[in-house]
Amino acid sequence: MQELKRRIKSVQPILKSKKQTLDHEIFELNKIREDKMQSLNNLRTWQQKYISGVDQVNVDRKQGKMDILPALEDGLDFVKEKWHQNLREVKKLEEEERHQTILVMEAKRNLKSIETLEERYIHQLKEWKDKAEQKELDEIAVSQFVNQSRKL
C-alpha cells in the first residue's frame, strides 16, 4: 500500500508539469492565431487598396491623365509589395500554427499518458484497500463464528 501511495505521490509533480506544458503550448497557439488573424486583416486591407488603386489607374488612363500615372503606378507598386509582404507573413504564421498544433497534440498525449498512469495507480490502491477491508471483514466474521460455536 505504501508503495502505491508513493507512486501516486511521485506522479503528481509530473502531472502538474505536463499540465503546465499543455497550457503553455495552448497559449502559444492562441497567440499565433491572434497574430494570423491580424495579418489576415492587414492582407485584406492591402488587397482592397491595391484593387482600388488599379481601378483608379485605369480610370485616370481612360481620362487621359498621363502626367499623374507614373506617381500612381509607383504608389500601386508599393501597395502591391505590402500586400505580398502580408501574404508571406500569413503563410509563415500558418506554418507556425501547424507546428504549434502538433506541439499541443503531443502535450495532450503526454498529459493523457501520465493521467492514465495515475488512474491505474489509484485503481490499484483502491483494489488493495478493498481486498484489505474484505480480509478484515472475513476475519471478523470468522472470529464471531468461532465465538458463537464456543458458546454452544
Foldseek 3Di string as FASTA:
>chain_A
DVVLVVVLVVLVVVLVVLVVQLVVLVVVLVVLVVVLVVLVVQLVVLVVVLVVLVVVLVVCVVVPVVVCNVVSVVVSVVSVVSNVVSVVVNVVSVVVNVVSVVSSVVSVVSSVVSVVVSVVSVVVVVVVVVVVVVVVVVVVVVVVVVVVVVVD
